[in-house]
C-alpha atoms as a PDB file:
ATOM      1  CA  UNK A   1      59.291 115.506 129.664  1.00  0.00           C
ATOM      2  CA  UNK A   2      55.592 115.839 129.089  1.00  0.00           C
ATOM      3  CA  UNK A   3      53.737 118.678 127.675  1.00  0.00           C
ATOM      4  CA  UNK A   4      51.761 121.234 129.919  1.00  0.00           C
ATOM      5  CA  UNK A   5      51.276 123.719 128.400  1.00  0.00           C
ATOM      6  CA  UNK A   6      51.082 125.717 124.195  1.00  0.00           C
ATOM      7  CA  UNK A   7      54.546 126.897 125.267  1.00  0.00           C
ATOM      8  CA  UNK A   8      56.397 123.966 125.995  1.00  0.00           C
ATOM      9  CA  UNK A   9      54.903 122.662 121.958  1.00  0.00           C
ATOM     10  CA  UNK A  10      55.422 126.006 121.203  1.00  0.00           C
ATOM     11  CA  UNK A  11      59.605 126.016 122.119  1.00  0.00           C
ATOM     12  CA  UNK A  12      59.911 122.345 121.298  1.00  0.00           C
ATOM     13  CA  UNK A  13      58.775 123.191 117.674  1.00  0.00           C
ATOM     14  CA  UNK A  14      61.017 126.239 117.286  1.00  0.00           C
ATOM     15  CA  UNK A  15      63.932 124.057 118.706  1.00  0.00           C
ATOM     16  CA  UNK A  16      62.256 121.142 116.086  1.00  0.00           C
ATOM     17  CA  UNK A  17      63.014 123.326 113.656  1.00  0.00           C
ATOM     18  CA  UNK A  18      66.139 124.510 113.997  1.00  0.00           C
ATOM     19  CA  UNK A  19      68.179 120.609 113.976  1.00  0.00           C
ATOM     20  CA  UNK A  20      65.772 119.184 111.420  1.00  0.00           C
ATOM     21  CA  UNK A  21      67.108 122.973 108.492  1.00  0.00           C
ATOM     22  CA  UNK A  22      70.814 122.357 110.125  1.00  0.00           C
ATOM     23  CA  UNK A  23      70.665 118.470 109.949  1.00  0.00           C
ATOM     24  CA  UNK A  24      69.548 119.452 106.500  1.00  0.00           C
ATOM     25  CA  UNK A  25      71.674 121.191 105.154  1.00  0.00           C
ATOM     26  CA  UNK A  26      75.152 119.985 106.335  1.00  0.00           C
ATOM     27  CA  UNK A  27      74.055 117.648 104.224  1.00  0.00           C
ATOM     28  CA  UNK A  28      72.795 118.645 100.973  1.00  0.00           C
ATOM     29  CA  UNK A  29      76.737 120.806 101.672  1.00  0.00           C
ATOM     30  CA  UNK A  30      78.668 118.121 102.075  1.00  0.00           C
ATOM     31  CA  UNK A  31      80.726 117.093  99.488  1.00  0.00           C
ATOM     32  CA  UNK A  32      83.851 114.634  99.027  1.00  0.00           C
ATOM     33  CA  UNK A  33      87.048 116.402  99.911  1.00  0.00           C
ATOM     34  CA  UNK A  34      85.974 118.327 102.832  1.00  0.00           C
ATOM     35  CA  UNK A  35      86.969 116.993 106.547  1.00  0.00           C
ATOM     36  CA  UNK A  36      84.353 115.842 108.730  1.00  0.00           C
ATOM     37  CA  UNK A  37      85.332 118.953 111.548  1.00  0.00           C
ATOM     38  CA  UNK A  38      85.040 121.563 108.357  1.00  0.00           C
ATOM     39  CA  UNK A  39      81.210 119.728 107.945  1.00  0.00           C
ATOM     40  CA  UNK A  40      80.594 120.591 111.502  1.00  0.00           C
ATOM     41  CA  UNK A  41      82.040 124.281 111.242  1.00  0.00           C
ATOM     42  CA  UNK A  42      78.907 124.578 109.061  1.00  0.00           C
ATOM     43  CA  UNK A  43      76.471 122.789 111.165  1.00  0.00           C
ATOM     44  CA  UNK A  44      78.108 125.208 114.105  1.00  0.00           C
ATOM     45  CA  UNK A  45      77.443 128.053 112.498  1.00  0.00           C
ATOM     46  CA  UNK A  46      73.559 127.096 111.954  1.00  0.00           C
ATOM     47  CA  UNK A  47      72.811 126.829 115.336  1.00  0.00           C
ATOM     48  CA  UNK A  48      75.048 130.484 115.753  1.00  0.00           C
ATOM     49  CA  UNK A  49      72.771 131.984 113.519  1.00  0.00           C
ATOM     50  CA  UNK A  50      69.904 129.929 114.999  1.00  0.00           C
ATOM     51  CA  UNK A  51      70.609 131.512 118.854  1.00  0.00           C
ATOM     52  CA  UNK A  52      70.716 127.548 119.681  1.00  0.00           C
ATOM     53  CA  UNK A  53      73.732 125.635 121.048  1.00  0.00           C
ATOM     54  CA  UNK A  54      75.264 122.491 120.407  1.00  0.00           C
ATOM     55  CA  UNK A  55      72.828 119.891 123.128  1.00  0.00           C
ATOM     56  CA  UNK A  56      76.007 117.128 122.411  1.00  0.00           C
ATOM     57  CA  UNK A  57      78.332 119.859 123.490  1.00  0.00           C
ATOM     58  CA  UNK A  58      76.829 122.313 126.361  1.00  0.00           C
ATOM     59  CA  UNK A  59      75.763 118.667 127.287  1.00  0.00           C
ATOM     60  CA  UNK A  60      78.622 116.734 127.626  1.00  0.00           C
ATOM     61  CA  UNK A  61      81.453 118.929 126.383  1.00  0.00           C
ATOM     62  CA  UNK A  62      81.514 116.887 123.565  1.00  0.00           C
ATOM     63  CA  UNK A  63      84.785 117.613 120.758  1.00  0.00           C
ATOM     64  CA  UNK A  64      82.419 119.039 118.704  1.00  0.00           C
ATOM     65  CA  UNK A  65      78.601 120.917 117.276  1.00  0.00           C
ATOM     66  CA  UNK A  66      77.612 117.465 116.161  1.00  0.00           C
ATOM     67  CA  UNK A  67      78.523 113.626 115.770  1.00  0.00           C
ATOM     68  CA  UNK A  68      79.469 113.047 112.242  1.00  0.00           C
ATOM     69  CA  UNK A  69      79.691 109.175 111.990  1.00  0.00           C
ATOM     70  CA  UNK A  70      81.351 107.576 109.058  1.00  0.00           C
ATOM     71  CA  UNK A  71      80.912 103.707 107.546  1.00  0.00           C
ATOM     72  CA  UNK A  72      81.794 101.779 109.733  1.00  0.00           C
ATOM     73  CA  UNK A  73      81.420 104.547 112.673  1.00  0.00           C
ATOM     74  CA  UNK A  74      78.111 104.400 113.538  1.00  0.00           C
ATOM     75  CA  UNK A  75      77.036 106.815 116.395  1.00  0.00           C
ATOM     76  CA  UNK A  76      78.903 109.780 118.316  1.00  0.00           C
ATOM     77  CA  UNK A  77      82.032 110.526 115.799  1.00  0.00           C
ATOM     78  CA  UNK A  78      83.969 113.199 116.843  1.00  0.00           C
ATOM     79  CA  UNK A  79      84.085 115.646 113.672  1.00  0.00           C
ATOM     80  CA  UNK A  80      87.958 116.026 112.913  1.00  0.00           C
ATOM     81  CA  UNK A  81      90.545 115.430 109.484  1.00  0.00           C
ATOM     82  CA  UNK A  82      89.290 113.057 108.357  1.00  0.00           C
ATOM     83  CA  UNK A  83      88.291 113.549 104.869  1.00  0.00           C
ATOM     84  CA  UNK A  84      84.928 112.381 102.987  1.00  0.00           C
ATOM     85  CA  UNK A  85      84.840 110.475 100.348  1.00  0.00           C
ATOM     86  CA  UNK A  86      83.234 109.349  97.110  1.00  0.00           C
ATOM     87  CA  UNK A  87      81.170 106.316  98.332  1.00  0.00           C
ATOM     88  CA  UNK A  88      81.221 106.822 102.191  1.00  0.00           C
ATOM     89  CA  UNK A  89      77.899 105.863 104.498  1.00  0.00           C
ATOM     90  CA  UNK A  90      77.787 109.022 106.527  1.00  0.00           C
ATOM     91  CA  UNK A  91      75.701 110.030 109.471  1.00  0.00           C
ATOM     92  CA  UNK A  92      74.833 113.770 110.997  1.00  0.00           C
ATOM     93  CA  UNK A  93      73.083 114.035 114.607  1.00  0.00           C
ATOM     94  CA  UNK A  94      72.301 117.098 115.262  1.00  0.00           C
ATOM     95  CA  UNK A  95      70.668 118.366 118.838  1.00  0.00           C
ATOM     96  CA  UNK A  96      70.544 121.642 120.449  1.00  0.00           C
ATOM     97  CA  UNK A  97      68.658 123.348 122.584  1.00  0.00           C
ATOM     98  CA  UNK A  98      67.384 127.197 122.995  1.00  0.00           C
ATOM     99  CA  UNK A  99      65.237 128.740 125.827  1.00  0.00           C
ATOM    100  CA  UNK A 100      65.864 125.258 128.334  1.00  0.00           C
ATOM    101  CA  UNK A 101      64.143 123.206 125.386  1.00  0.00           C
ATOM    102  CA  UNK A 102      66.179 120.379 123.744  1.00  0.00           C
ATOM    103  CA  UNK A 103      65.382 118.887 120.086  1.00  0.00           C
ATOM    104  CA  UNK A 104      66.419 115.423 118.412  1.00  0.00           C
ATOM    105  CA  UNK A 105      67.405 114.579 114.867  1.00  0.00           C
ATOM    106  CA  UNK A 106      69.706 112.473 112.553  1.00  0.00           C
ATOM    107  CA  UNK A 107      69.874 111.119 109.434  1.00  0.00           C
ATOM    108  CA  UNK A 108      71.812 108.885 107.042  1.00  0.00           C
ATOM    109  CA  UNK A 109      72.760 109.361 103.050  1.00  0.00           C
ATOM    110  CA  UNK A 110      75.983 108.127 100.650  1.00  0.00           C
ATOM    111  CA  UNK A 111      78.444 111.229  98.801  1.00  0.00           C
ATOM    112  CA  UNK A 112      78.010 109.244  95.195  1.00  0.00           C
ATOM    113  CA  UNK A 113      78.562 106.472  93.871  1.00  0.00           C
ATOM    114  CA  UNK A 114      75.886 104.987  96.052  1.00  0.00           C
ATOM    115  CA  UNK A 115      75.453 100.781  95.874  1.00  0.00           C
ATOM    116  CA  UNK A 116      72.421  98.885  95.862  1.00  0.00           C
ATOM    117  CA  UNK A 117      73.963  97.440  99.795  1.00  0.00           C
ATOM    118  CA  UNK A 118      73.793 100.968 100.321  1.00  0.00           C
ATOM    119  CA  UNK A 119      70.851 102.449  99.279  1.00  0.00           C
ATOM    120  CA  UNK A 120      68.564  98.803 100.315  1.00  0.00           C
ATOM    121  CA  UNK A 121      70.541  99.780 104.038  1.00  0.00           C
ATOM    122  CA  UNK A 122      69.240 103.980 103.299  1.00  0.00           C
ATOM    123  CA  UNK A 123      65.656 102.540 102.839  1.00  0.00           C
ATOM    124  CA  UNK A 124      64.794 100.113 105.571  1.00  0.00           C
ATOM    125  CA  UNK A 125      66.605 102.501 107.916  1.00  0.00           C
ATOM    126  CA  UNK A 126      64.126 105.538 107.189  1.00  0.00           C
ATOM    127  CA  UNK A 127      61.002 102.657 106.479  1.00  0.00           C
ATOM    128  CA  UNK A 128      61.520 101.511 110.162  1.00  0.00           C
ATOM    129  CA  UNK A 129      61.796 105.116 111.883  1.00  0.00           C
ATOM    130  CA  UNK A 130      58.343 105.823 109.512  1.00  0.00           C
ATOM    131  CA  UNK A 131      56.748 102.151 111.038  1.00  0.00           C
ATOM    132  CA  UNK A 132      57.885 103.864 114.456  1.00  0.00           C
ATOM    133  CA  UNK A 133      56.017 106.674 113.743  1.00  0.00           C
ATOM    134  CA  UNK A 134      53.211 105.180 113.071  1.00  0.00           C
ATOM    135  CA  UNK A 135      52.209 103.190 115.922  1.00  0.00           C
ATOM    136  CA  UNK A 136      53.670 105.526 119.036  1.00  0.00           C
ATOM    137  CA  UNK A 137      50.569 107.148 119.797  1.00  0.00           C
ATOM    138  CA  UNK A 138      49.355 107.517 123.802  1.00  0.00           C
ATOM    139  CA  UNK A 139      48.609 104.664 125.633  1.00  0.00           C
ATOM    140  CA  UNK A 140      50.694 101.805 123.638  1.00  0.00           C
ATOM    141  CA  UNK A 141      53.533  99.902 124.900  1.00  0.00           C
ATOM    142  CA  UNK A 142      56.819 101.196 124.651  1.00  0.00           C
ATOM    143  CA  UNK A 143      57.806  98.492 123.522  1.00  0.00           C
ATOM    144  CA  UNK A 144      56.499  98.164 120.656  1.00  0.00           C
ATOM    145  CA  UNK A 145      58.207 100.906 119.005  1.00  0.00           C
ATOM    146  CA  UNK A 146      60.746  98.351 118.852  1.00  0.00           C
ATOM    147  CA  UNK A 147      58.980  95.509 117.481  1.00  0.00           C
ATOM    148  CA  UNK A 148      58.007  98.105 114.653  1.00  0.00           C
ATOM    149  CA  UNK A 149      61.902  98.278 113.702  1.00  0.00           C
ATOM    150  CA  UNK A 150      62.793  95.054 114.396  1.00  0.00           C
ATOM    151  CA  UNK A 151      59.815  93.717 111.853  1.00  0.00           C
ATOM    152  CA  UNK A 152      61.404  95.738 108.991  1.00  0.00           C
ATOM    153  CA  UNK A 153      64.744  94.585 109.653  1.00  0.00           C
ATOM    154  CA  UNK A 154      63.639  91.481 109.192  1.00  0.00           C
ATOM    155  CA  UNK A 155      61.478  91.965 106.411  1.00  0.00           C
ATOM    156  CA  UNK A 156      64.073  93.840 104.385  1.00  0.00           C
ATOM    157  CA  UNK A 157      67.387  91.598 105.787  1.00  0.00           C
ATOM    158  CA  UNK A 158      69.497  93.843 108.114  1.00  0.00           C
ATOM    159  CA  UNK A 159      70.630  93.817 112.096  1.00  0.00           C
ATOM    160  CA  UNK A 160      69.754  96.120 114.735  1.00  0.00           C
ATOM    161  CA  UNK A 161      72.462  98.013 116.555  1.00  0.00           C
ATOM    162  CA  UNK A 162      71.139  96.253 120.043  1.00  0.00           C
ATOM    163  CA  UNK A 163      73.646  98.800 122.310  1.00  0.00           C
ATOM    164  CA  UNK A 164      72.083 101.743 120.801  1.00  0.00           C
ATOM    165  CA  UNK A 165      68.185 103.276 121.501  1.00  0.00           C
ATOM    166  CA  UNK A 166      66.161 106.453 122.092  1.00  0.00           C
ATOM    167  CA  UNK A 167      65.083 108.550 124.846  1.00  0.00           C
ATOM    168  CA  UNK A 168      62.855 110.609 126.127  1.00  0.00           C
ATOM    169  CA  UNK A 169      63.577 114.342 125.629  1.00  0.00           C
ATOM    170  CA  UNK A 170      62.140 118.199 125.727  1.00  0.00           C
ATOM    171  CA  UNK A 171      64.222 119.565 129.022  1.00  0.00           C
ATOM    172  CA  UNK A 172      66.997 117.968 128.348  1.00  0.00           C
ATOM    173  CA  UNK A 173      68.902 115.559 126.115  1.00  0.00           C
ATOM    174  CA  UNK A 174      68.280 112.739 126.880  1.00  0.00           C
ATOM    175  CA  UNK A 175      65.208 112.091 130.187  1.00  0.00           C
ATOM    176  CA  UNK A 176      62.612 109.588 131.065  1.00  0.00           C
ATOM    177  CA  UNK A 177      61.372 107.655 129.341  1.00  0.00           C
ATOM    178  CA  UNK A 178      65.645 106.393 129.073  1.00  0.00           C
ATOM    179  CA  UNK A 179      66.110 103.073 126.237  1.00  0.00           C
ATOM    180  CA  UNK A 180      63.325 103.138 124.182  1.00  0.00           C
ATOM    181  CA  UNK A 181      64.993  99.616 122.383  1.00  0.00           C
ATOM    182  CA  UNK A 182      64.705  99.315 118.694  1.00  0.00           C
ATOM    183  CA  UNK A 183      64.221  95.757 119.178  1.00  0.00           C
ATOM    184  CA  UNK A 184      61.660  93.985 120.783  1.00  0.00           C
ATOM    185  CA  UNK A 185      62.002  93.843 124.444  1.00  0.00           C
ATOM    186  CA  UNK A 186      58.987  91.534 126.307  1.00  0.00           C
ATOM    187  CA  UNK A 187      59.949  92.386 129.611  1.00  0.00           C
ATOM    188  CA  UNK A 188      59.234  96.437 128.802  1.00  0.00           C
ATOM    189  CA  UNK A 189      56.033  97.002 130.182  1.00  0.00           C
ATOM    190  CA  UNK A 190      56.441 100.607 129.714  1.00  0.00           C
ATOM    191  CA  UNK A 191      53.532 102.529 128.231  1.00  0.00           C
ATOM    192  CA  UNK A 192      53.389 106.085 126.332  1.00  0.00           C
ATOM    193  CA  UNK A 193      51.767 108.822 127.268  1.00  0.00           C
ATOM    194  CA  UNK A 194      49.522 111.370 126.152  1.00  0.00           C
ATOM    195  CA  UNK A 195      51.978 114.537 125.752  1.00  0.00           C
ATOM    196  CA  UNK A 196      55.275 112.641 125.989  1.00  0.00           C
ATOM    197  CA  UNK A 197      58.270 113.823 123.885  1.00  0.00           C
ATOM    198  CA  UNK A 198      60.481 110.827 122.731  1.00  0.00           C
ATOM    199  CA  UNK A 199      63.099 110.932 120.158  1.00  0.00           C
ATOM    200  CA  UNK A 200      62.724 107.125 117.866  1.00  0.00           C
ATOM    201  CA  UNK A 201      66.215 106.741 116.307  1.00  0.00           C
ATOM    202  CA  UNK A 202      66.203 103.436 115.016  1.00  0.00           C
ATOM    203  CA  UNK A 203      69.831 102.016 114.121  1.00  0.00           C
ATOM    204  CA  UNK A 204      70.252  99.743 110.998  1.00  0.00           C
ATOM    205  CA  UNK A 205      73.448  97.559 110.101  1.00  0.00           C
ATOM    206  CA  UNK A 206      74.293  94.982 107.484  1.00  0.00           C
ATOM    207  CA  UNK A 207      76.437  93.242 110.034  1.00  0.00           C
ATOM    208  CA  UNK A 208      76.811  94.644 113.585  1.00  0.00           C
ATOM    209  CA  UNK A 209      74.418  93.949 116.508  1.00  0.00           C
ATOM    210  CA  UNK A 210      76.372  95.355 118.811  1.00  0.00           C
ATOM    211  CA  UNK A 211      79.189  99.182 118.367  1.00  0.00           C
ATOM    212  CA  UNK A 212      81.970  99.309 120.791  1.00  0.00           C
ATOM    213  CA  UNK A 213      83.969 102.286 122.106  1.00  0.00           C
ATOM    214  CA  UNK A 214      87.331 103.441 120.473  1.00  0.00           C
ATOM    215  CA  UNK A 215      89.582 104.916 121.436  1.00  0.00           C
ATOM    216  CA  UNK A 216      88.516 108.318 121.347  1.00  0.00           C
ATOM    217  CA  UNK A 217      86.327 107.563 124.057  1.00  0.00           C
ATOM    218  CA  UNK A 218      83.327 108.339 121.930  1.00  0.00           C
ATOM    219  CA  UNK A 219      83.173 107.089 118.560  1.00  0.00           C
ATOM    220  CA  UNK A 220      80.656 104.190 118.311  1.00  0.00           C
ATOM    221  CA  UNK A 221      81.858 101.630 115.960  1.00  0.00           C
ATOM    222  CA  UNK A 222      81.167  98.079 114.662  1.00  0.00           C
ATOM    223  CA  UNK A 223      83.405  95.317 113.218  1.00  0.00           C
ATOM    224  CA  UNK A 224      85.364  95.788 110.473  1.00  0.00           C
ATOM    225  CA  UNK A 225      83.402  96.110 107.693  1.00  0.00           C
ATOM    226  CA  UNK A 226      80.221  97.202 108.492  1.00  0.00           C
ATOM    227  CA  UNK A 227      77.592  99.004 107.701  1.00  0.00           C
ATOM    228  CA  UNK A 228      75.334 101.173 108.904  1.00  0.00           C
ATOM    229  CA  UNK A 229      72.392 103.765 109.126  1.00  0.00           C
ATOM    230  CA  UNK A 230      69.982 106.102 111.817  1.00  0.00           C
ATOM    231  CA  UNK A 231      67.186 108.074 110.619  1.00  0.00           C
ATOM    232  CA  UNK A 232      65.981 110.027 114.267  1.00  0.00           C
ATOM    233  CA  UNK A 233      62.755 112.194 114.521  1.00  0.00           C
ATOM    234  CA  UNK A 234      61.920 114.267 117.978  1.00  0.00           C
ATOM    235  CA  UNK A 235      58.048 113.655 118.899  1.00  0.00           C
ATOM    236  CA  UNK A 236      55.267 114.520 121.168  1.00  0.00           C
ATOM    237  CA  UNK A 237      53.079 111.357 121.699  1.00  0.00           C
ATOM    238  CA  UNK A 238      49.316 112.074 121.834  1.00  0.00           C
ATOM    239  CA  UNK A 239      46.215 110.155 121.482  1.00  0.00           C
ATOM    240  CA  UNK A 240      46.985 109.653 116.923  1.00  0.00           C
ATOM    241  CA  UNK A 241      49.626 110.912 114.938  1.00  0.00           C
ATOM    242  CA  UNK A 242      51.984 112.059 116.542  1.00  0.00           C
ATOM    243  CA  UNK A 243      53.049 115.001 116.626  1.00  0.00           C
ATOM    244  CA  UNK A 244      56.869 115.633 114.900  1.00  0.00           C
ATOM    245  CA  UNK A 245      59.007 118.140 115.724  1.00  0.00           C
ATOM    246  CA  UNK A 246      61.994 117.695 113.167  1.00  0.00           C
ATOM    247  CA  UNK A 247      59.900 116.677 110.454  1.00  0.00           C
ATOM    248  CA  UNK A 248      60.528 119.526 107.480  1.00  0.00           C
END
């Protein structure tokens, strides 16, 4: 969507804070021995408390309230009976709707103990998002977002998962501009426009450049032994720095 009023912005800020707070609380609550379903129910309760609706559930009838992906799972992991273990790389993606407005955020972390490789992967992915946010302003090519992410991945020695990407957001979970790539695509001539609402989400990995759909029809998984990380912000494009709706 493109913001048309101050009311639009205020509603987006509200749902942005809700999903960001839910994500932060879920990350803090994660402990070895709990199932991903138990963690998801924490997210469900938080969203209910805020009067918000799970966006993947209301939009796609996703079998969970949040997406929880572990280790070789890169995205769209279904909460279930999987037990979280020490050393797991966990990604939580929280998106929700309130009053007809949507926001989307995500973050990755390691359940202690970590390792040097896992720490570097998380740092590089967070840095990629930070660099993309610094770049994103009105009038610039959309493909510069991917270029910013690609430069960080190359510098830090990680791969980009190319079939996962950012997207427009605001009045629905996924809308124009579609497919905001996490790598530089020369032929993409679209421009960022003032007031545009987008979600930027770099996916960096240790081995895989592509993920495939698991038998459950949802979970997107890399090759055996791959680890990936994702960080995501919903934002409003301005003539200067973007307004980060999901930064708290």
